[in-house]
């Protein structure tokens, strides 16, 4: 490990949709920088080097070459979800601290294999659930901790995804063997937030879902590139979309109900053809409720904790979501700073590999439930030995 005065040197593996995170990982003034970029696509390497602003940065096509280098302190893994298990385990075994983008993996078995590799090697593992660093989520957590709504008892999440047809149905996200489904891939964020706000993990789920809009739209031939305006130009209404992935196998509407291990009841709903894009959380406790209106900097979280009354649009307290700059409401920059501190010093972090596993486990079992007509299913527990290791801050 480098001496404190030297910057941490990161290698980044996978420069696709989360390249904004690679930009956030390059903050030389804060003690960490991107030293090597790795991707199987040479064009992606060129684009990423331009975005990060380091001309002539080292690049490689095979991540295993990166793992042989002694001048790299840690790796940031942002490859497609179905590759996480193999790559993360190789990195952990090579002794490189790992930042693994969420979801940790696409099955419970894969998650547990990654956690076990971290346990066996003692190499530090950090999972990039960046919503724990988003202002709206931290604000809601603070409100609950203050006691404004009493003890939380139920959490409801409505997730409107206006760009769903473009973000998730034009590439590998639409294929089950690469994501399991969007209830896991996209929902892992929100299920993690539900767990964090409620103070427990999901133990039983039931879900319904369907492919309602994007199943019948025109698709590209396999092996043809995505359209030139992909992620820049968006069509409306959703039925006007073209050039979908050659395989479309995941649901565009999903609703799931869950019971947590502390008795909290929660619900999560996701729709990929809404006109707007945001997450709406409601948490009801023994003495009131909170709800967010918008989920970005400058938006508001309202609290109603007097009553009983009829509808009151003004609420009892209105909290502003703090200002922030950068991608994902400032979350990408702050999560990278936390990762750098964790690589250097270890210790407690706001994200948690156990929580990351539990959010995937809830989404995975819910996907099995919705594909089996809504059958209620139990979430398999994590091996207590692994849970204990991570709860102690990755100390044996």
Protein backbone atom coordinates (compact mmCIF):
# COMPACT_ATOMS: atom_id res chain seq x y z
CA UNK A 1 0.00 0.00 0.00
CA UNK A 2 1.26 3.48 -0.80
CA UNK A 3 2.42 5.89 1.86
CA UNK A 4 -0.28 8.36 3.01
CA UNK A 5 1.18 11.29 1.04
CA UNK A 6 0.83 9.42 -2.26
CA UNK A 7 -2.47 9.33 -4.07
CA UNK A 8 -4.29 6.02 -4.22
CA UNK A 9 -4.08 4.64 -7.75
CA UNK A 10 -7.24 3.05 -9.12
CA UNK A 11 -7.70 0.77 -12.10
CA UNK A 12 -11.16 0.95 -13.67
CA UNK A 13 -12.59 -2.17 -15.33
CA UNK A 14 -15.57 -1.63 -17.64
CA UNK A 15 -16.26 1.79 -19.21
CA UNK A 16 -19.86 1.63 -20.35
CA UNK A 17 -22.89 3.30 -18.81
CA UNK A 18 -21.23 4.11 -15.48
CA UNK A 19 -18.27 6.06 -16.86
CA UNK A 20 -19.52 9.01 -14.76
CA UNK A 21 -18.25 7.02 -11.78
CA UNK A 22 -14.78 6.74 -13.35
CA UNK A 23 -14.80 10.55 -13.63
CA UNK A 24 -15.73 10.74 -9.92
CA UNK A 25 -12.91 8.30 -9.10
CA UNK A 26 -10.33 10.69 -10.52
CA UNK A 27 -9.93 13.36 -7.82
CA UNK A 28 -6.17 13.89 -7.38
CA UNK A 29 -6.79 16.83 -5.04
CA UNK A 30 -8.70 14.50 -2.68
CA UNK A 31 -6.00 11.84 -2.64
CA UNK A 32 -7.11 9.38 -5.30
CA UNK A 33 -6.80 9.10 -9.04
CA UNK A 34 -7.52 6.80 -11.98
CA UNK A 35 -4.23 5.33 -13.25
CA UNK A 36 -5.35 2.60 -15.66
CA UNK A 37 -8.49 2.11 -17.76
CA UNK A 38 -9.52 -1.37 -18.85
CA UNK A 39 -12.20 -2.40 -21.37
CA UNK A 40 -12.55 -4.95 -24.15
CA UNK A 41 -13.74 -2.16 -26.49
CA UNK A 42 -10.90 0.14 -27.68
CA UNK A 43 -13.38 2.90 -28.60
CA UNK A 44 -14.77 2.92 -25.05
CA UNK A 45 -11.23 3.43 -23.71
CA UNK A 46 -10.70 6.46 -25.96
CA UNK A 47 -14.03 8.02 -24.93
CA UNK A 48 -13.42 7.39 -21.23
CA UNK A 49 -9.90 8.88 -21.33
CA UNK A 50 -11.39 12.03 -22.90
CA UNK A 51 -14.15 12.27 -20.28
CA UNK A 52 -11.79 11.77 -17.36
CA UNK A 53 -9.41 14.29 -18.91
CA UNK A 54 -6.15 12.37 -18.67
CA UNK A 55 -4.61 12.23 -22.15
CA UNK A 56 -2.20 9.32 -22.58
CA UNK A 57 -3.59 7.43 -19.57
CA UNK A 58 -2.57 3.75 -19.39
CA UNK A 59 -5.13 1.38 -20.92
CA UNK A 60 -5.51 -2.36 -21.30
CA UNK A 61 -7.94 -4.79 -22.89
CA UNK A 62 -7.62 -7.67 -20.43
CA UNK A 63 -8.32 -6.96 -16.76
CA UNK A 64 -6.01 -9.82 -15.66
CA UNK A 65 -3.04 -7.74 -16.89
CA UNK A 66 -4.16 -4.97 -14.55
CA UNK A 67 -4.17 -7.36 -11.58
CA UNK A 68 -0.47 -8.17 -12.10
CA UNK A 69 0.54 -4.55 -11.51
CA UNK A 70 1.95 -3.65 -8.10
CA UNK A 71 1.38 0.09 -8.65
CA UNK A 72 -2.42 -0.29 -8.59
CA UNK A 73 -3.93 -0.07 -5.09
CA UNK A 74 -7.57 -0.83 -5.89
CA UNK A 75 -9.95 -1.60 -8.74
CA UNK A 76 -13.34 -0.17 -9.65
CA UNK A 77 -15.47 -2.84 -11.38
CA UNK A 78 -18.29 -1.48 -13.59
CA UNK A 79 -18.73 -4.29 -16.11
CA UNK A 80 -22.15 -5.77 -16.99
CA UNK A 81 -23.87 -7.43 -14.02
CA UNK A 82 -23.49 -11.03 -15.21
CA UNK A 83 -19.67 -10.70 -15.25
CA UNK A 84 -19.35 -9.36 -11.68
CA UNK A 85 -18.84 -12.69 -9.94
CA UNK A 86 -15.86 -13.90 -12.02
CA UNK A 87 -14.14 -10.51 -12.22
CA UNK A 88 -14.65 -9.49 -8.59
CA UNK A 89 -13.38 -12.84 -7.30
CA UNK A 90 -10.26 -12.61 -9.51
CA UNK A 91 -9.59 -9.10 -8.17
CA UNK A 92 -10.09 -10.16 -4.54
CA UNK A 93 -7.78 -13.14 -5.00
CA UNK A 94 -5.16 -10.82 -6.53
CA UNK A 95 -5.28 -8.78 -3.32
CA UNK A 96 -6.72 -5.64 -4.94
CA UNK A 97 -9.35 -3.80 -2.88
CA UNK A 98 -12.56 -3.83 -4.92
CA UNK A 99 -15.26 -1.25 -5.58
CA UNK A 100 -18.04 -3.34 -7.15
CA UNK A 101 -20.86 -1.45 -8.83
CA UNK A 102 -24.37 -2.48 -7.78
CA UNK A 103 -26.13 -4.85 -8.07
CA UNK A 104 -23.41 -7.03 -6.54
CA UNK A 105 -24.50 -9.91 -8.83
CA UNK A 106 -27.59 -11.34 -10.57
CA UNK A 107 -28.21 -14.38 -8.36
CA UNK A 108 -28.03 -15.01 -4.60
CA UNK A 109 -25.49 -17.77 -5.21
CA UNK A 110 -23.17 -15.36 -7.07
CA UNK A 111 -23.48 -12.74 -4.31
CA UNK A 112 -22.55 -15.28 -1.66
CA UNK A 113 -19.58 -16.52 -3.72
CA UNK A 114 -18.23 -12.94 -3.89
CA UNK A 115 -18.71 -12.37 -0.14
CA UNK A 116 -17.02 -15.72 0.58
CA UNK A 117 -14.02 -14.78 -1.60
CA UNK A 118 -13.66 -11.50 0.29
CA UNK A 119 -13.84 -13.40 3.59
CA UNK A 120 -11.32 -16.06 2.52
CA UNK A 121 -8.78 -13.63 1.04
CA UNK A 122 -9.20 -10.82 3.57
CA UNK A 123 -9.17 -8.35 0.66
CA UNK A 124 -11.42 -5.33 1.17
CA UNK A 125 -14.74 -5.34 -0.68
CA UNK A 126 -16.96 -2.29 -1.15
CA UNK A 127 -20.26 -2.31 -3.07
CA UNK A 128 -21.36 0.85 -4.90
CA UNK A 129 -24.88 1.41 -3.63
CA UNK A 130 -24.56 5.14 -4.33
CA UNK A 131 -28.14 6.00 -3.30
CA UNK A 132 -26.98 5.77 0.32
CA UNK A 133 -25.01 8.91 -0.53
CA UNK A 134 -27.91 10.70 -2.24
CA UNK A 135 -29.20 13.76 -0.41
CA UNK A 136 -32.86 12.71 -0.49
CA UNK A 137 -32.11 9.32 1.07
CA UNK A 138 -29.84 10.78 3.75
CA UNK A 139 -32.45 13.42 4.50
CA UNK A 140 -35.16 10.78 4.99
CA UNK A 141 -32.86 8.72 7.18
CA UNK A 142 -32.09 11.79 9.32
CA UNK A 143 -35.82 12.56 9.71
CA UNK A 144 -36.47 9.02 10.96
CA UNK A 145 -33.45 9.15 13.30
CA UNK A 146 -34.72 12.46 14.76
CA UNK A 147 -37.95 10.75 15.73
CA UNK A 148 -40.19 12.99 13.60
CA UNK A 149 -42.44 10.08 12.60
CA UNK A 150 -41.89 7.72 15.55
CA UNK A 151 -40.84 4.14 14.84
CA UNK A 152 -41.09 3.32 11.10
CA UNK A 153 -43.60 0.53 10.42
CA UNK A 154 -44.27 0.59 6.67
CA UNK A 155 -42.37 1.85 3.61
CA UNK A 156 -43.92 2.32 0.15
CA UNK A 157 -41.89 3.12 -2.96
CA UNK A 158 -43.21 4.13 -6.38
CA UNK A 159 -40.51 4.19 -9.04
CA UNK A 160 -41.43 6.00 -12.28
CA UNK A 161 -38.90 5.37 -15.07
CA UNK A 162 -39.57 7.60 -18.07
CA UNK A 163 -36.45 6.54 -19.98
CA UNK A 164 -36.95 2.84 -19.32
CA UNK A 165 -37.48 1.88 -22.94
CA UNK A 166 -34.18 3.51 -23.90
CA UNK A 167 -32.06 2.72 -20.85
CA UNK A 168 -33.10 -0.89 -20.28
CA UNK A 169 -34.67 -2.34 -23.41
CA UNK A 170 -32.07 -1.44 -26.05
CA UNK A 171 -29.11 -3.42 -24.71
CA UNK A 172 -28.16 -6.40 -22.50
CA UNK A 173 -30.39 -5.21 -19.64
CA UNK A 174 -33.36 -6.72 -21.51
CA UNK A 175 -31.92 -10.26 -21.32
CA UNK A 176 -32.75 -12.47 -18.35
CA UNK A 177 -29.45 -14.34 -18.32
CA UNK A 178 -27.61 -11.03 -17.99
CA UNK A 179 -29.76 -9.30 -15.36
CA UNK A 180 -32.32 -11.84 -14.01
CA UNK A 181 -34.79 -8.94 -14.37
CA UNK A 182 -35.24 -5.22 -13.74
CA UNK A 183 -36.87 -5.82 -10.36
CA UNK A 184 -33.38 -6.94 -9.34
CA UNK A 185 -31.21 -4.81 -11.66
CA UNK A 186 -33.00 -1.51 -11.15
CA UNK A 187 -34.83 -2.32 -7.94
CA UNK A 188 -31.68 -3.31 -6.00
CA UNK A 189 -31.13 0.40 -5.29
CA UNK A 190 -34.56 0.97 -3.82
CA UNK A 191 -34.76 -2.31 -1.94
CA UNK A 192 -31.47 -1.32 -0.28
CA UNK A 193 -32.96 2.07 0.65
CA UNK A 194 -36.09 0.38 2.05
CA UNK A 195 -33.86 -1.83 4.20
CA UNK A 196 -31.76 1.15 5.35
CA UNK A 197 -34.73 3.34 6.24
CA UNK A 198 -36.66 0.52 7.91
CA UNK A 199 -33.71 -0.95 9.82
CA UNK A 200 -34.25 -4.55 8.69
CA UNK A 201 -33.86 -6.98 5.80
CA UNK A 202 -36.59 -8.59 3.68
CA UNK A 203 -37.41 -12.16 4.71
CA UNK A 204 -40.54 -12.89 2.63
CA UNK A 205 -41.74 -11.56 -0.75
CA UNK A 206 -44.59 -11.80 -3.20
CA UNK A 207 -44.71 -10.08 -6.59
CA UNK A 208 -46.59 -9.61 -9.84
CA UNK A 209 -45.21 -8.18 -13.08
CA UNK A 210 -45.48 -8.29 -16.83
CA UNK A 211 -43.96 -7.13 -20.11
CA UNK A 212 -46.77 -4.82 -21.21
CA UNK A 213 -45.38 -2.25 -23.67
CA UNK A 214 -41.87 -3.19 -24.83
CA UNK A 215 -42.61 -6.79 -25.80
CA UNK A 216 -44.13 -5.94 -29.19
CA UNK A 217 -41.98 -3.06 -30.46
CA UNK A 218 -39.47 -3.30 -33.36
CA UNK A 219 -36.12 -4.86 -32.43
CA UNK A 220 -32.65 -4.68 -33.96
CA UNK A 221 -31.02 -7.70 -35.57
CA UNK A 222 -28.58 -9.45 -33.25
CA UNK A 223 -25.06 -8.04 -33.62
CA UNK A 224 -26.19 -4.65 -34.98
CA UNK A 225 -25.02 -1.55 -33.10
CA UNK A 226 -27.30 0.61 -30.98
CA UNK A 227 -28.73 3.62 -32.84
CA UNK A 228 -26.49 6.70 -33.11
CA UNK A 229 -28.71 8.84 -30.88
CA UNK A 230 -28.90 6.21 -28.12
CA UNK A 231 -29.21 7.83 -24.65
CA UNK A 232 -29.30 11.28 -26.32
CA UNK A 233 -32.59 11.24 -28.21
CA UNK A 234 -35.78 9.93 -26.65
CA UNK A 235 -39.12 9.15 -28.27
CA UNK A 236 -42.59 9.75 -26.87
CA UNK A 237 -45.00 8.05 -26.43
CA UNK A 238 -43.26 4.82 -25.35
CA UNK A 239 -44.91 2.86 -28.19
CA UNK A 240 -42.99 5.07 -30.68
CA UNK A 241 -39.69 3.49 -29.63
CA UNK A 242 -37.70 1.46 -32.15
CA UNK A 243 -34.37 -0.39 -32.25
CA UNK A 244 -34.98 -2.44 -29.13
CA UNK A 245 -32.55 -5.20 -28.14
CA UNK A 246 -32.90 -8.39 -30.21
CA UNK A 247 -34.02 -10.17 -27.04
CA UNK A 248 -36.58 -8.55 -24.73
CA UNK A 249 -37.35 -10.88 -21.83
CA UNK A 250 -37.68 -8.73 -18.71
CA UNK A 251 -40.78 -7.13 -17.24
CA UNK A 252 -41.53 -3.42 -17.77
CA UNK A 253 -43.97 -3.32 -14.82
CA UNK A 254 -43.29 -4.98 -11.47
CA UNK A 255 -44.92 -4.67 -8.04
CA UNK A 256 -43.63 -6.44 -4.96
CA UNK A 257 -44.65 -6.71 -1.33
CA UNK A 258 -42.24 -7.65 1.42
CA UNK A 259 -42.11 -8.43 5.10
CA UNK A 260 -38.87 -7.52 6.85
CA UNK A 261 -37.20 -9.43 9.67
CA UNK A 262 -38.19 -6.71 12.14
CA UNK A 263 -41.89 -6.87 11.21
CA UNK A 264 -41.92 -3.83 8.90
CA UNK A 265 -44.16 -4.27 5.83
CA UNK A 266 -42.94 -2.67 2.58
CA UNK A 267 -43.98 -2.31 -1.06
CA UNK A 268 -42.00 -1.45 -4.19
CA UNK A 269 -43.48 -0.62 -7.61
CA UNK A 270 -41.55 0.00 -10.83
CA UNK A 271 -42.84 1.15 -14.23
CA UNK A 272 -40.66 1.69 -17.32
CA UNK A 273 -43.09 3.70 -19.44
CA UNK A 274 -43.96 6.59 -17.13
CA UNK A 275 -43.74 10.15 -18.53
CA UNK A 276 -41.49 11.31 -15.67
CA UNK A 277 -38.48 9.87 -13.88
CA UNK A 278 -38.22 9.88 -10.10
CA UNK A 279 -38.64 7.84 -6.95
CA UNK A 280 -41.42 8.57 -4.50
CA UNK A 281 -40.93 7.20 -0.98
CA UNK A 282 -43.50 7.17 1.80
CA UNK A 283 -42.52 6.02 5.29
CA UNK A 284 -45.23 5.78 7.94
CA UNK A 285 -44.27 5.44 11.58
CA UNK A 286 -46.10 5.29 14.88
CA UNK A 287 -46.27 9.11 15.07
CA UNK A 288 -46.41 10.42 11.51
CA UNK A 289 -45.31 9.97 7.93
CA UNK A 290 -42.79 11.38 5.50
CA UNK A 291 -42.92 11.63 1.72
CA UNK A 292 -40.50 13.06 -0.84
CA UNK A 293 -41.62 15.29 -3.73
CA UNK A 294 -38.85 14.98 -6.30
CA UNK A 295 -35.62 13.17 -5.39
CA UNK A 296 -32.87 15.60 -6.36
CA UNK A 297 -31.02 18.54 -4.80
CA UNK A 298 -33.45 21.36 -3.91
CA UNK A 299 -36.49 19.06 -3.80
CA UNK A 300 -38.52 18.58 -0.65
CA UNK A 301 -39.33 15.88 1.91
CA UNK A 302 -42.53 16.65 3.83
CA UNK A 303 -43.51 15.35 7.25
CA UNK A 304 -47.04 15.09 8.65
CA UNK A 305 -46.98 14.30 12.37
CA UNK A 306 -50.04 16.02 13.84
CA UNK A 307 -53.62 14.96 13.29
CA UNK A 308 -55.93 13.34 12.64
CA UNK A 309 -56.98 15.66 9.78
CA UNK A 310 -58.07 15.60 6.15
CA UNK A 311 -55.66 16.25 3.29
CA UNK A 312 -53.04 18.94 4.02
CA UNK A 313 -50.73 19.81 1.15
CA UNK A 314 -48.51 22.01 3.30
CA UNK A 315 -47.51 19.36 5.92
CA UNK A 316 -46.14 20.00 9.43
CA UNK A 317 -42.46 20.23 8.46
CA UNK A 318 -40.81 20.56 5.04
CA UNK A 319 -37.14 19.60 4.70
CA UNK A 320 -35.12 20.62 1.68
CA UNK A 321 -32.84 18.12 -0.08
CA UNK A 322 -29.39 19.74 0.18
CA UNK A 323 -27.63 21.23 -2.84
CA UNK A 324 -25.00 19.05 -4.48
CA UNK A 325 -22.97 19.01 -7.68
CA UNK A 326 -22.01 16.09 -9.89
CA UNK A 327 -23.62 12.89 -11.13
CA UNK A 328 -26.41 11.16 -9.18
CA UNK A 329 -27.10 14.23 -7.04
CA UNK A 330 -23.48 14.40 -5.87
CA UNK A 331 -23.54 10.78 -4.70
CA UNK A 332 -20.84 9.51 -7.09
CA UNK A 333 -18.20 11.91 -5.75
CA UNK A 334 -18.94 11.22 -2.09
CA UNK A 335 -19.15 7.44 -2.49
CA UNK A 336 -15.73 7.42 -4.19
CA UNK A 337 -14.28 9.47 -1.32
CA UNK A 338 -15.71 6.92 1.14
CA UNK A 339 -14.23 4.05 -0.89
CA UNK A 340 -10.79 5.72 -0.90
CA UNK A 341 -10.93 6.17 2.87
CA UNK A 342 -12.00 2.52 3.25
CA UNK A 343 -9.09 1.30 1.09
CA UNK A 344 -6.64 3.29 3.21
CA UNK A 345 -8.04 2.76 6.69
CA UNK A 346 -10.80 0.14 6.65
CA UNK A 347 -13.54 0.73 9.21
CA UNK A 348 -17.28 1.27 8.97
CA UNK A 349 -18.91 2.53 5.75
CA UNK A 350 -22.41 3.70 4.88
CA UNK A 351 -22.65 1.00 2.21
CA UNK A 352 -22.46 -2.66 3.15
CA UNK A 353 -21.72 -5.85 1.19
CA UNK A 354 -24.27 -7.66 3.39
CA UNK A 355 -26.94 -5.06 2.61
CA UNK A 356 -26.00 -5.29 -1.08
CA UNK A 357 -26.51 -9.06 -0.96
CA UNK A 358 -29.82 -8.71 0.87
CA UNK A 359 -31.22 -6.23 -1.68
CA UNK A 360 -30.31 -8.59 -4.53
CA UNK A 361 -31.75 -11.54 -2.60
CA UNK A 362 -35.07 -9.71 -2.15
CA UNK A 363 -35.20 -8.72 -5.83
CA UNK A 364 -34.18 -12.20 -6.97
CA UNK A 365 -36.84 -14.00 -4.91
CA UNK A 366 -39.45 -11.43 -5.95
CA UNK A 367 -38.59 -12.13 -9.61
CA UNK A 368 -39.07 -15.87 -9.03
CA UNK A 369 -42.39 -15.05 -7.34
CA UNK A 370 -43.73 -12.86 -10.17
CA UNK A 371 -42.75 -15.50 -12.75
CA UNK A 372 -44.64 -18.06 -10.69
CA UNK A 373 -47.93 -16.18 -10.42
CA UNK A 374 -47.17 -14.31 -7.22
CA UNK A 375 -46.27 -17.24 -4.96
CA UNK A 376 -44.94 -15.94 -1.60
CA UNK A 377 -41.29 -16.98 -1.15
CA UNK A 378 -38.77 -16.79 1.68
CA UNK A 379 -35.42 -15.04 1.19
CA UNK A 380 -32.52 -17.42 1.99
CA UNK A 381 -30.48 -16.09 4.92
CA UNK A 382 -26.79 -15.24 4.58
CA UNK A 383 -24.30 -17.58 6.25
CA UNK A 384 -23.92 -16.09 9.80
CA UNK A 385 -20.13 -16.44 9.63
CA UNK A 386 -20.00 -14.21 6.52
CA UNK A 387 -22.52 -11.77 8.00
CA UNK A 388 -20.43 -11.46 11.16
CA UNK A 389 -17.22 -10.82 9.21
CA UNK A 390 -18.73 -7.89 7.32
CA UNK A 391 -20.59 -6.53 10.36
CA UNK A 392 -17.21 -6.32 12.14
CA UNK A 393 -15.88 -4.14 9.29
CA UNK A 394 -14.21 -7.06 7.44
CA UNK A 395 -12.12 -8.14 10.38
CA UNK A 396 -11.81 -11.84 11.22
